[in-house]
Amino acid sequence: MVLREGARKRSISKLEGIVLKQIESALKGNEKAALATLKMAAQVGLLEAPEGAGETPTLSASEQEMVNELLLKRPKRRRSKSRR
């Protein structure tokens, strides 16, 4: 797959293309994409503290507010009716 960045072109894998498209969509305000991007980052360890960092990082008040807003806007999943 060929990615064009301005006048420059470079080859990337399909997986990298999918991840980049997901990030682009998240940055444009797509809440589902933002949550999926954060989940992917957490799964690959990008949100963990680097080795040697003794203190667990905390979110600033504005960062925590952004996360809370995303979680509040997230559509709730409907539970399926149980068969009785």
Protein backbone atom coordinates (compact mmCIF):
# COMPACT_ATOMS: atom_id res chain seq x y z
CA MET A 1 0.00 0.00 0.00
CA VAL A 2 1.36 3.45 -0.88
CA LEU A 3 0.84 6.36 1.52
CA ARG A 4 1.13 9.90 0.25
CA GLU A 5 2.26 12.54 2.75
CA GLY A 6 2.28 15.81 0.88
CA ALA A 7 4.68 15.36 -2.03
CA ARG A 8 6.35 12.33 -0.42
CA LYS A 9 5.23 8.73 -0.99
CA ARG A 10 6.13 5.69 1.08
CA SER A 11 5.09 2.06 1.20
CA ILE A 12 3.30 0.76 4.29
CA SER A 13 1.64 -2.51 5.23
CA LYS A 14 -2.15 -2.85 5.13
CA LEU A 15 -2.19 -3.17 8.92
CA GLU A 16 -0.26 0.08 9.32
CA GLY A 17 -2.69 1.72 6.90
CA ILE A 18 -5.65 0.57 8.99
CA VAL A 19 -4.07 1.87 12.20
CA LEU A 20 -3.21 5.23 10.61
CA LYS A 21 -6.77 5.59 9.25
CA GLN A 22 -8.16 4.78 12.73
CA ILE A 23 -5.95 7.44 14.33
CA GLU A 24 -6.89 9.98 11.65
CA SER A 25 -10.57 9.33 12.27
CA ALA A 26 -10.07 9.65 16.04
CA LEU A 27 -8.28 12.99 15.62
CA LYS A 28 -11.17 14.26 13.49
CA GLY A 29 -13.54 13.67 16.41
CA ASN A 30 -14.92 10.17 15.83
CA GLU A 31 -15.56 8.95 19.38
CA LYS A 32 -15.68 5.25 18.49
CA ALA A 33 -12.36 5.58 16.69
CA ALA A 34 -10.87 7.46 19.66
CA LEU A 35 -11.90 4.74 22.11
CA ALA A 36 -10.67 2.01 19.77
CA THR A 37 -7.36 3.84 19.32
CA LEU A 38 -6.88 4.16 23.07
CA LYS A 39 -7.71 0.48 23.50
CA MET A 40 -5.18 -0.49 20.82
CA ALA A 41 -2.52 1.70 22.43
CA ALA A 42 -3.17 0.11 25.82
CA GLN A 43 -2.99 -3.41 24.36
CA VAL A 44 0.42 -2.82 22.83
CA GLY A 45 1.75 -1.10 25.96
CA LEU A 46 1.91 2.47 24.70
CA LEU A 47 -0.03 3.77 27.69
CA GLU A 48 2.12 2.09 30.33
CA ALA A 49 4.79 3.89 32.27
CA PRO A 50 8.29 3.38 30.89
CA GLU A 51 10.60 1.09 32.83
CA GLY A 52 12.40 2.87 35.60
CA ALA A 53 9.57 5.31 36.17
CA GLY A 54 8.80 4.84 39.84
CA GLU A 55 5.60 6.81 39.91
CA THR A 56 2.39 5.90 38.10
CA PRO A 57 1.46 8.82 35.85
CA THR A 58 -1.87 10.48 36.53
CA LEU A 59 -4.11 12.36 34.18
CA SER A 60 -4.35 16.11 34.47
CA ALA A 61 -7.77 17.54 35.27
CA SER A 62 -8.36 18.47 31.61
CA GLU A 63 -7.25 15.01 30.39
CA GLN A 64 -9.55 13.32 32.91
CA GLU A 65 -12.41 15.58 31.80
CA MET A 66 -11.87 14.56 28.15
CA VAL A 67 -11.93 10.86 29.06
CA ASN A 68 -15.09 11.36 31.14
CA GLU A 69 -16.80 13.17 28.25
CA LEU A 70 -15.95 10.36 25.86
CA LEU A 71 -17.27 7.76 28.27
CA LEU A 72 -20.50 9.68 28.87
CA LYS A 73 -21.17 10.09 25.15
CA ARG A 74 -20.46 6.44 24.46
CA PRO A 75 -23.68 4.65 23.49
CA LYS A 76 -24.72 2.05 26.03
CA ARG A 77 -24.95 -1.50 24.77
CA ARG A 78 -28.30 -3.14 24.95
CA ARG A 79 -28.44 -6.33 26.87
CA SER A 80 -30.02 -9.22 25.06
CA LYS A 81 -33.16 -10.62 26.58
CA SER A 82 -32.50 -13.86 28.36
CA ARG A 83 -34.49 -16.88 27.33
CA ARG A 84 -36.64 -18.22 30.10
